């Protein structure tokens, strides 16, 4: 019985971790070397994490992702 409870708990934790991988207002992007950060009316703010990797704050991450693709 203990094993069954542990399996259920770990399963729920795994599903929560998977769901947390996407945020509706943040997009992490990697800019090619030598290229500037793209400009868009959807970008509210940006923060450099390291090197050429940025977190973009937006009202709609899915729309910004489509625009940048």
Protein backbone atom coordinates (compact mmCIF):
# COMPACT_ATOMS: atom_id res chain seq x y z
CA UNK A 1 0.00 0.00 0.00
CA UNK A 2 2.85 2.38 0.82
CA UNK A 3 4.37 1.78 -2.60
CA UNK A 4 1.09 2.59 -4.31
CA UNK A 5 0.80 5.89 -2.40
CA UNK A 6 4.39 6.79 -3.31
CA UNK A 7 3.73 6.05 -6.98
CA UNK A 8 0.66 8.31 -6.95
CA UNK A 9 2.51 11.11 -5.13
CA UNK A 10 5.47 11.00 -7.52
CA UNK A 11 3.10 10.87 -10.48
CA UNK A 12 1.31 14.01 -9.32
CA UNK A 13 4.65 15.74 -8.71
CA UNK A 14 5.84 14.84 -12.21
CA UNK A 15 2.66 16.21 -13.78
CA UNK A 16 3.01 19.46 -11.83
CA UNK A 17 6.63 19.84 -12.92
CA UNK A 18 5.67 19.27 -16.53
CA UNK A 19 2.87 21.84 -16.35
CA UNK A 20 5.23 24.39 -14.77
CA UNK A 21 7.51 24.25 -17.82
CA UNK A 22 5.38 26.79 -19.67
CA UNK A 23 4.45 30.28 -18.51
CA UNK A 24 1.88 32.44 -20.34
CA UNK A 25 3.79 35.70 -19.74
CA UNK A 26 7.48 34.72 -19.99
CA UNK A 27 9.50 33.46 -22.89
CA UNK A 28 13.12 32.33 -22.71
CA UNK A 29 15.03 32.99 -25.93
CA UNK A 30 18.58 32.42 -27.10
CA UNK A 31 19.87 35.07 -29.50
CA UNK A 32 22.37 34.11 -32.19
CA UNK A 33 25.88 35.41 -31.62
CA UNK A 34 26.25 38.95 -32.95
CA UNK A 35 22.50 39.54 -33.36
CA UNK A 36 20.61 42.14 -31.28
CA UNK A 37 17.63 41.36 -29.10
CA UNK A 38 14.54 41.49 -31.36
CA UNK A 39 12.13 44.36 -30.92
CA UNK A 40 8.39 43.77 -30.69
CA UNK A 41 5.40 45.60 -29.30
CA UNK A 42 4.62 42.37 -27.39
CA UNK A 43 7.84 42.58 -25.33
CA UNK A 44 7.21 44.44 -22.07
CA UNK A 45 10.67 43.90 -20.59
CA UNK A 46 13.74 41.72 -20.99
CA UNK A 47 16.35 40.36 -18.63
CA UNK A 48 19.69 38.79 -19.53
CA UNK A 49 20.15 35.47 -17.76
CA UNK A 50 23.64 34.70 -19.06
CA UNK A 51 25.55 35.01 -22.32
CA UNK A 52 22.99 35.43 -25.08
CA UNK A 53 20.00 33.91 -23.22
CA UNK A 54 17.18 36.29 -22.24
CA UNK A 55 13.83 36.13 -20.43
CA UNK A 56 11.21 38.22 -22.21
CA UNK A 57 8.20 39.43 -20.23
CA UNK A 58 5.08 39.70 -22.39
CA UNK A 59 1.29 39.70 -22.16
CA UNK A 60 1.07 36.74 -24.57
CA UNK A 61 4.06 34.38 -24.79
CA UNK A 62 2.43 32.18 -27.45
CA UNK A 63 1.84 35.16 -29.78
CA UNK A 64 5.39 36.43 -29.22
CA UNK A 65 6.82 32.99 -29.93
CA UNK A 66 4.92 32.87 -33.25
CA UNK A 67 6.09 36.38 -34.11
CA UNK A 68 9.75 35.59 -33.42
CA UNK A 69 9.73 32.22 -35.23
